[in-house]
C-alpha atoms as a PDB file:
ATOM      1  CA  MET A   1    -110.343 -35.357   5.136  1.00  0.00           C
ATOM      2  CA  SER A   2    -107.946 -37.740   6.752  1.00  0.00           C
ATOM      3  CA  THR A   3    -108.036 -38.293  10.470  1.00  0.00           C
ATOM      4  CA  LYS A   4    -105.054 -40.607  10.324  1.00  0.00           C
ATOM      5  CA  PRO A   5    -101.961 -39.585  12.256  1.00  0.00           C
ATOM      6  CA  SER A   6     -99.185 -37.855  10.420  1.00  0.00           C
ATOM      7  CA  SER A   7     -95.691 -39.235  10.436  1.00  0.00           C
ATOM      8  CA  ARG A   8     -94.542 -35.638  10.808  1.00  0.00           C
ATOM      9  CA  PRO A   9     -93.265 -34.727  14.279  1.00  0.00           C
ATOM     10  CA  ASN A  10     -95.665 -32.558  16.197  1.00  0.00           C
ATOM     11  CA  HIS A  11     -93.608 -29.363  16.145  1.00  0.00           C
ATOM     12  CA  ARG A  12     -95.627 -26.290  16.936  1.00  0.00           C
ATOM     13  CA  ARG A  13     -95.138 -23.549  14.386  1.00  0.00           C
ATOM     14  CA  PRO A  14     -94.692 -19.914  15.463  1.00  0.00           C
ATOM     15  CA  ALA A  15     -98.347 -19.063  14.743  1.00  0.00           C
ATOM     16  CA  GLN A  16     -99.428 -21.953  16.982  1.00  0.00           C
ATOM     17  CA  ARG A  17     -97.258 -20.540  19.769  1.00  0.00           C
ATOM     18  CA  GLY A  18     -99.001 -17.184  19.429  1.00  0.00           C
ATOM     19  CA  GLN A  19     -96.103 -15.671  17.491  1.00  0.00           C
ATOM     20  CA  ALA A  20     -96.605 -13.967  14.171  1.00  0.00           C
ATOM     21  CA  PHE A  21     -93.969 -13.851  11.491  1.00  0.00           C
ATOM     22  CA  ASN A  22     -93.208 -10.257  10.626  1.00  0.00           C
ATOM     23  CA  ALA A  23     -90.886  -9.799   7.670  1.00  0.00           C
ATOM     24  CA  HIS A  24     -89.661  -6.493   9.041  1.00  0.00           C
ATOM     25  CA  MET A  25     -89.853  -5.616  12.711  1.00  0.00           C
ATOM     26  CA  PRO A  26     -89.970  -1.903  13.432  1.00  0.00           C
ATOM     27  CA  GLY A  27     -86.770  -0.639  15.009  1.00  0.00           C
ATOM     28  CA  ILE A  28     -84.618  -3.467  13.658  1.00  0.00           C
ATOM     29  CA  ASP A  29     -81.881  -2.631  11.154  1.00  0.00           C
ATOM     30  CA  TYR A  30     -81.619  -5.484   8.678  1.00  0.00           C
ATOM     31  CA  GLY A  31     -78.523  -4.074   7.011  1.00  0.00           C
ATOM     32  CA  ALA A  32     -77.395  -5.902   3.888  1.00  0.00           C
ATOM     33  CA  LEU A  33     -80.232  -8.426   4.208  1.00  0.00           C
ATOM     34  CA  ASN A  34     -82.706  -5.960   2.677  1.00  0.00           C
ATOM     35  CA  GLY A  35     -80.758  -5.954  -0.591  1.00  0.00           C
ATOM     36  CA  LEU A  36     -80.483  -9.724  -0.945  1.00  0.00           C
ATOM     37  CA  ILE A  37     -82.836 -11.565  -3.288  1.00  0.00           C
ATOM     38  CA  GLY A  38     -82.327 -14.791  -1.351  1.00  0.00           C
ATOM     39  CA  TYR A  39     -83.387 -13.107   1.897  1.00  0.00           C
ATOM     40  CA  ALA A  40     -86.509 -11.649   0.240  1.00  0.00           C
ATOM     41  CA  LEU A  41     -87.346 -15.094  -1.160  1.00  0.00           C
ATOM     42  CA  ARG A  42     -86.893 -16.666   2.254  1.00  0.00           C
ATOM     43  CA  ARG A  43     -89.199 -14.135   3.933  1.00  0.00           C
ATOM     44  CA  ALA A  44     -91.860 -14.795   1.304  1.00  0.00           C
ATOM     45  CA  GLN A  45     -91.324 -18.549   1.571  1.00  0.00           C
ATOM     46  CA  ILE A  46     -91.849 -18.513   5.349  1.00  0.00           C
ATOM     47  CA  ARG A  47     -95.175 -16.704   4.975  1.00  0.00           C
ATOM     48  CA  ILE A  48     -96.322 -18.935   2.106  1.00  0.00           C
ATOM     49  CA  TYR A  49     -95.227 -22.134   3.859  1.00  0.00           C
ATOM     50  CA  GLN A  50     -97.079 -21.178   7.046  1.00  0.00           C
ATOM     51  CA  ASP A  51    -100.289 -20.548   5.099  1.00  0.00           C
ATOM     52  CA  PHE A  52     -99.817 -23.862   3.253  1.00  0.00           C
ATOM     53  CA  LEU A  53     -99.383 -25.848   6.472  1.00  0.00           C
ATOM     54  CA  ASP A  54    -102.372 -24.142   8.100  1.00  0.00           C
ATOM     55  CA  ALA A  55    -104.628 -24.744   5.080  1.00  0.00           C
ATOM     56  CA  LEU A  56    -103.583 -28.385   4.579  1.00  0.00           C
ATOM     57  CA  ALA A  57    -103.275 -29.510   8.207  1.00  0.00           C
ATOM     58  CA  PRO A  58    -106.465 -31.622   8.073  1.00  0.00           C
ATOM     59  CA  TRP A  59    -104.773 -33.879   5.498  1.00  0.00           C
ATOM     60  CA  SER A  60    -101.326 -33.896   7.182  1.00  0.00           C
ATOM     61  CA  MET A  61    -100.033 -32.478   3.919  1.00  0.00           C
ATOM     62  CA  THR A  62     -96.648 -30.878   3.344  1.00  0.00           C
ATOM     63  CA  PRO A  63     -95.287 -29.432   0.090  1.00  0.00           C
ATOM     64  CA  PRO A  64     -93.097 -32.510  -0.608  1.00  0.00           C
ATOM     65  CA  ARG A  65     -96.034 -34.853   0.042  1.00  0.00           C
ATOM     66  CA  PHE A  66     -98.279 -32.867  -2.296  1.00  0.00           C
ATOM     67  CA  SER A  67     -95.570 -32.805  -4.965  1.00  0.00           C
ATOM     68  CA  ALA A  68     -95.071 -36.557  -4.680  1.00  0.00           C
ATOM     69  CA  MET A  69     -98.806 -37.275  -4.812  1.00  0.00           C
ATOM     70  CA  THR A  70     -99.238 -35.055  -7.869  1.00  0.00           C
ATOM     71  CA  ILE A  71     -96.323 -36.659  -9.721  1.00  0.00           C
ATOM     72  CA  ILE A  72     -97.378 -40.211  -8.778  1.00  0.00           C
ATOM     73  CA  HIS A  73    -100.964 -39.493  -9.855  1.00  0.00           C
ATOM     74  CA  ALA A  74     -99.806 -38.183 -13.243  1.00  0.00           C
ATOM     75  CA  ASN A  75     -97.291 -41.041 -13.660  1.00  0.00           C
ATOM     76  CA  PRO A  76     -98.727 -44.206 -12.086  1.00  0.00           C
ATOM     77  CA  GLY A  77     -96.192 -46.989 -11.686  1.00  0.00           C
ATOM     78  CA  LEU A  78     -93.282 -44.601 -11.263  1.00  0.00           C
ATOM     79  CA  LYS A  79     -90.139 -45.990  -9.619  1.00  0.00           C
ATOM     80  CA  LEU A  80     -88.999 -44.500  -6.316  1.00  0.00           C
ATOM     81  CA  THR A  81     -85.690 -43.369  -7.840  1.00  0.00           C
ATOM     82  CA  THR A  82     -87.454 -41.644 -10.709  1.00  0.00           C
ATOM     83  CA  LEU A  83     -89.750 -39.831  -8.258  1.00  0.00           C
ATOM     84  CA  ALA A  84     -86.693 -38.646  -6.303  1.00  0.00           C
ATOM     85  CA  GLN A  85     -85.124 -37.315  -9.504  1.00  0.00           C
ATOM     86  CA  ALA A  86     -88.367 -35.646 -10.602  1.00  0.00           C
ATOM     87  CA  MET A  87     -88.674 -33.922  -7.197  1.00  0.00           C
ATOM     88  CA  GLY A  88     -84.994 -32.995  -7.090  1.00  0.00           C
ATOM     89  CA  ILE A  89     -84.391 -34.679  -3.741  1.00  0.00           C
ATOM     90  CA  ALA A  90     -82.277 -37.595  -2.512  1.00  0.00           C
ATOM     91  CA  ARG A  91     -83.688 -41.098  -2.710  1.00  0.00           C
ATOM     92  CA  SER A  92     -83.621 -41.307   1.101  1.00  0.00           C
ATOM     93  CA  GLY A  93     -85.753 -38.165   1.268  1.00  0.00           C
ATOM     94  CA  VAL A  94     -88.337 -39.517  -1.144  1.00  0.00           C
ATOM     95  CA  VAL A  95     -88.461 -42.774   0.848  1.00  0.00           C
ATOM     96  CA  GLN A  96     -89.531 -40.738   3.894  1.00  0.00           C
ATOM     97  CA  VAL A  97     -92.161 -38.898   1.848  1.00  0.00           C
ATOM     98  CA  VAL A  98     -93.573 -42.136   0.399  1.00  0.00           C
ATOM     99  CA  ASN A  99     -93.516 -43.806   3.843  1.00  0.00           C
ATOM    100  CA  ALA A 100     -95.595 -40.913   5.198  1.00  0.00           C
ATOM    101  CA  LEU A 101     -98.035 -41.126   2.265  1.00  0.00           C
ATOM    102  CA  GLU A 102     -98.402 -44.870   2.856  1.00  0.00           C
ATOM    103  CA  LYS A 103     -99.027 -44.315   6.557  1.00  0.00           C
ATOM    104  CA  LEU A 104    -101.752 -41.816   5.649  1.00  0.00           C
ATOM    105  CA  GLY A 105    -103.285 -44.339   3.238  1.00  0.00           C
ATOM    106  CA  TYR A 106    -102.653 -42.128   0.197  1.00  0.00           C
ATOM    107  CA  ALA A 107    -100.013 -44.161  -1.674  1.00  0.00           C
ATOM    108  CA  GLN A 108     -98.804 -47.714  -2.023  1.00  0.00           C
ATOM    109  CA  ARG A 109     -95.748 -49.544  -3.290  1.00  0.00           C
ATOM    110  CA  MET A 110     -96.336 -52.392  -5.690  1.00  0.00           C
ATOM    111  CA  ASP A 111     -93.871 -54.860  -7.182  1.00  0.00           C
ATOM    112  CA  PHE A 112     -92.303 -53.500 -10.347  1.00  0.00           C
ATOM    113  CA  SER A 113     -92.914 -56.049 -13.094  1.00  0.00           C
ATOM    114  CA  SER A 114     -89.493 -55.855 -14.778  1.00  0.00           C
ATOM    115  CA  ASP A 115     -87.302 -55.249 -11.701  1.00  0.00           C
ATOM    116  CA  LYS A 116     -87.868 -57.214  -8.505  1.00  0.00           C
ATOM    117  CA  ARG A 117     -85.637 -54.783  -6.562  1.00  0.00           C
ATOM    118  CA  ALA A 118     -87.809 -51.766  -7.428  1.00  0.00           C
ATOM    119  CA  PHE A 119     -91.305 -50.722  -6.491  1.00  0.00           C
ATOM    120  CA  ALA A 120     -93.967 -49.089  -8.627  1.00  0.00           C
ATOM    121  CA  LEU A 121     -95.718 -46.225  -6.860  1.00  0.00           C
ATOM    122  CA  MET A 122     -99.466 -45.744  -7.061  1.00  0.00           C
ATOM    123  CA  LEU A 123    -101.990 -43.589  -5.281  1.00  0.00           C
ATOM    124  CA  THR A 124    -104.678 -45.519  -3.452  1.00  0.00           C
ATOM    125  CA  ALA A 125    -108.340 -44.785  -4.190  1.00  0.00           C
ATOM    126  CA  GLU A 126    -108.365 -42.740  -0.971  1.00  0.00           C
ATOM    127  CA  GLY A 127    -105.216 -40.916  -2.099  1.00  0.00           C
ATOM    128  CA  SER A 128    -106.700 -40.034  -5.489  1.00  0.00           C
ATOM    129  CA  LYS A 129    -109.866 -38.729  -3.852  1.00  0.00           C
ATOM    130  CA  ALA A 130    -107.885 -36.767  -1.255  1.00  0.00           C
ATOM    131  CA  LEU A 131    -105.638 -35.321  -3.979  1.00  0.00           C
ATOM    132  CA  GLU A 132    -108.660 -33.755  -5.707  1.00  0.00           C
ATOM    133  CA  THR A 133    -109.700 -31.949  -2.525  1.00  0.00           C
ATOM    134  CA  ILE A 134    -106.133 -31.083  -1.553  1.00  0.00           C
ATOM    135  CA  THR A 135    -105.469 -29.639  -5.006  1.00  0.00           C
ATOM    136  CA  ARG A 136    -108.528 -27.383  -4.687  1.00  0.00           C
ATOM    137  CA  GLU A 137    -107.296 -26.232  -1.259  1.00  0.00           C
ATOM    138  CA  ILE A 138    -103.803 -25.602  -2.614  1.00  0.00           C
ATOM    139  CA  CYS A 139    -105.189 -23.573  -5.516  1.00  0.00           C
ATOM    140  CA  ALA A 140    -107.136 -21.481  -2.973  1.00  0.00           C
ATOM    141  CA  HIS A 141    -103.962 -21.139  -0.874  1.00  0.00           C
ATOM    142  CA  ASP A 142    -101.983 -20.057  -3.949  1.00  0.00           C
ATOM    143  CA  ALA A 143    -104.628 -17.474  -4.862  1.00  0.00           C
ATOM    144  CA  ARG A 144    -104.624 -16.188  -1.276  1.00  0.00           C
ATOM    145  CA  VAL A 145    -100.857 -15.748  -0.995  1.00  0.00           C
ATOM    146  CA  SER A 146    -100.550 -14.142  -4.410  1.00  0.00           C
ATOM    147  CA  ALA A 147    -103.638 -11.907  -4.135  1.00  0.00           C
ATOM    148  CA  THR A 148    -101.558  -8.724  -3.865  1.00  0.00           C
ATOM    149  CA  LEU A 149    -100.166  -9.363  -7.362  1.00  0.00           C
ATOM    150  CA  THR A 150    -101.993  -8.879 -10.645  1.00  0.00           C
ATOM    151  CA  THR A 151    -102.304 -11.793 -13.052  1.00  0.00           C
ATOM    152  CA  VAL A 152     -99.523 -10.295 -15.156  1.00  0.00           C
ATOM    153  CA  GLU A 153     -97.293  -9.841 -12.085  1.00  0.00           C
ATOM    154  CA  GLN A 154     -97.942 -13.436 -11.025  1.00  0.00           C
ATOM    155  CA  ALA A 155     -96.895 -14.700 -14.461  1.00  0.00           C
ATOM    156  CA  GLU A 156     -93.797 -12.493 -14.365  1.00  0.00           C
ATOM    157  CA  LEU A 157     -92.884 -13.719 -10.885  1.00  0.00           C
ATOM    158  CA  ARG A 158     -93.199 -17.369 -11.993  1.00  0.00           C
ATOM    159  CA  ARG A 159     -91.030 -16.581 -15.043  1.00  0.00           C
ATOM    160  CA  LEU A 160     -88.364 -14.879 -12.916  1.00  0.00           C
ATOM    161  CA  LEU A 161     -88.358 -17.664 -10.312  1.00  0.00           C
ATOM    162  CA  GLU A 162     -87.974 -20.252 -13.073  1.00  0.00           C
ATOM    163  CA  MET A 163     -84.968 -18.285 -14.332  1.00  0.00           C
ATOM    164  CA  LEU A 164     -83.444 -18.231 -10.831  1.00  0.00           C
ATOM    165  CA  GLY A 165     -84.102 -21.951 -10.392  1.00  0.00           C
ATOM    166  CA  ALA A 166     -82.632 -22.977 -13.737  1.00  0.00           C
ATOM    167  CA  PRO A 167     -79.110 -24.381 -13.774  1.00  0.00           C
ATOM    168  CA  PRO A 168     -76.502 -21.854 -14.917  1.00  0.00           C
ATOM    169  CA  GLU A 169     -75.520 -22.018 -18.554  1.00  0.00           C
ATOM    170  CA  ARG A 170     -72.088 -23.475 -19.078  1.00  0.00           C
ATOM    171  CA  SER A 171     -69.693 -21.781 -21.435  1.00  0.00           C
END
């Protein structure tokens, strides 16, 4: 585990303040929110994100950092712009993610052989080793947050979420 400081601001999450997230508080009328898919997704996302942050705190890991590490590991030498496109975020956002991974000792920028203005991204030896452990922890986290669903329901949920996340077909 990393004991290096995170570049993430030290914001205390609700659970750290002694507050629990409750998707539905008794006595509160949520009106139209209860019928909205986006609201249901957001409630689930808050719970899942909190569990993720709690489980991965020893590595100063966030979902974007894990995504970047996984993509860099599978595609060593990737350009920063390509990583941003693969993650679906702005180049400035991926710069922040890579800066944090460098600060943690998990990733490094190297000169790109064919383009002196670009950098090739690589995981360090420490980053590759950490990624193995982090991936195991994330798989345990994923199993924990989806434990109320059967294997078939989990597959169906992934299928439905992929449909919601796909760009609309153009006519």
